[in-house]
């Protein structure tokens, strides 16, 4: 199955039109890499059970640490009939490497 991907630069330019779903665990979401402002935390292991809670009217940008789990999440969601997903290529590692804004629990501010 082909999964659509966006680079972190492309995603940051289109962020207003995307709903961000972060499929990492809670400790990762609030950890050193932080998360994208407005992201919804939905760990991969809970994705199937909670898929019906995801918005259907906007594109979903699926994020994780490196892009691997989020790619698997896109495939899982497609199997469940949710095809409006885009994988964040390189994940939060690439987002941080590009020095794009993140929210971190310690300050809860964009860095």
Protein backbone atom coordinates (compact mmCIF):
# COMPACT_ATOMS: atom_id res chain seq x y z
CA UNK A 1 0.00 0.00 0.00
CA UNK A 2 1.28 3.44 -0.92
CA UNK A 3 1.28 5.89 1.98
CA UNK A 4 1.30 9.60 1.18
CA UNK A 5 4.11 11.45 2.95
CA UNK A 6 5.07 15.03 3.67
CA UNK A 7 8.48 16.28 4.66
CA UNK A 8 8.59 18.26 7.87
CA UNK A 9 9.06 21.51 5.90
CA UNK A 10 6.04 20.76 3.69
CA UNK A 11 3.98 19.76 6.72
CA UNK A 12 4.90 22.91 8.64
CA UNK A 13 3.72 25.05 5.70
CA UNK A 14 0.41 23.15 5.51
CA UNK A 15 -0.14 22.67 9.26
CA UNK A 16 -3.27 24.89 9.33
CA UNK A 17 -5.08 22.49 7.00
CA UNK A 18 -4.07 19.33 8.88
CA UNK A 19 -5.20 17.61 12.06
CA UNK A 20 -2.08 16.20 13.70
CA UNK A 21 -2.35 12.79 15.33
CA UNK A 22 0.73 11.68 17.28
CA UNK A 23 0.91 7.90 17.67
CA UNK A 24 3.79 7.79 20.17
CA UNK A 25 3.40 6.83 23.81
CA UNK A 26 2.53 9.56 26.33
CA UNK A 27 6.05 9.71 27.78
CA UNK A 28 7.44 10.29 24.27
CA UNK A 29 4.78 12.90 23.48
CA UNK A 30 5.80 14.88 26.57
CA UNK A 31 9.47 13.90 26.31
CA UNK A 32 12.56 15.68 24.99
CA UNK A 33 11.37 15.80 21.36
CA UNK A 34 8.11 17.45 22.40
CA UNK A 35 5.11 17.47 20.06
CA UNK A 36 3.56 19.64 17.40
CA UNK A 37 1.25 22.31 18.84
CA UNK A 38 -2.36 21.15 18.72
CA UNK A 39 -1.43 17.50 18.16
CA UNK A 40 -3.80 14.85 19.45
CA UNK A 41 -2.07 12.03 21.33
CA UNK A 42 -3.38 8.65 20.25
CA UNK A 43 -0.79 5.91 20.90
CA UNK A 44 -0.44 3.34 18.14
CA UNK A 45 -1.55 0.49 20.41
CA UNK A 46 -4.90 2.28 20.97
CA UNK A 47 -5.41 3.47 17.41
CA UNK A 48 -7.73 0.73 16.19
CA UNK A 49 -10.08 1.06 19.19
CA UNK A 50 -10.18 4.87 18.95
CA UNK A 51 -10.20 5.31 15.16
CA UNK A 52 -13.88 6.26 15.17
CA UNK A 53 -13.00 9.35 17.27
CA UNK A 54 -10.78 10.79 14.53
CA UNK A 55 -12.12 13.66 12.43
CA UNK A 56 -13.14 12.70 8.89
CA UNK A 57 -13.49 16.21 7.44
CA UNK A 58 -9.76 17.09 7.35
CA UNK A 59 -6.50 15.49 6.38
CA UNK A 60 -4.79 13.69 9.25
CA UNK A 61 -1.04 14.19 9.59
CA UNK A 62 0.21 11.13 11.45
CA UNK A 63 3.39 11.67 13.46
CA UNK A 64 5.72 9.55 15.59
CA UNK A 65 9.40 9.58 16.53
CA UNK A 66 10.97 8.57 13.19
CA UNK A 67 8.10 8.07 10.75
CA UNK A 68 7.99 4.28 11.04
CA UNK A 69 5.09 3.88 13.50
CA UNK A 70 3.17 6.66 11.78
CA UNK A 71 3.54 4.86 8.42
CA UNK A 72 2.14 1.70 10.05
CA UNK A 73 -0.66 3.83 11.55
CA UNK A 74 -1.55 5.19 8.10
CA UNK A 75 -1.74 1.62 6.79
CA UNK A 76 -3.87 0.50 9.75
CA UNK A 77 -6.25 3.44 9.37
CA UNK A 78 -6.58 2.77 5.64
CA UNK A 79 -7.53 -0.83 6.44
CA UNK A 80 -10.23 0.62 8.72
CA UNK A 81 -11.52 2.82 5.89
CA UNK A 82 -9.82 6.06 6.92
CA UNK A 83 -7.80 7.08 3.89
CA UNK A 84 -7.32 10.81 4.46
CA UNK A 85 -3.95 10.29 6.18
CA UNK A 86 -0.47 11.63 5.49
CA UNK A 87 2.69 10.31 7.13
CA UNK A 88 5.14 12.82 8.62
CA UNK A 89 8.37 11.71 6.94
CA UNK A 90 11.19 11.45 9.48
CA UNK A 91 8.81 12.08 12.38
CA UNK A 92 9.59 14.28 15.34
CA UNK A 93 13.32 13.57 14.97
CA UNK A 94 13.25 15.33 11.59
CA UNK A 95 10.89 18.04 12.91
CA UNK A 96 13.38 18.84 15.69
CA UNK A 97 16.36 18.62 13.32
CA UNK A 98 14.65 21.25 11.15
CA UNK A 99 14.24 23.42 14.27
CA UNK A 100 10.49 23.72 13.80
CA UNK A 101 8.40 24.78 16.82
CA UNK A 102 7.46 22.15 19.39
CA UNK A 103 5.60 22.04 22.68
CA UNK A 104 7.44 20.50 25.60
CA UNK A 105 5.85 19.61 28.93
CA UNK A 106 8.58 21.28 30.99
CA UNK A 107 7.64 24.72 29.68
CA UNK A 108 4.49 24.00 27.66
CA UNK A 109 5.70 26.68 25.30
CA UNK A 110 6.87 26.59 21.73
CA UNK A 111 10.63 26.33 21.62
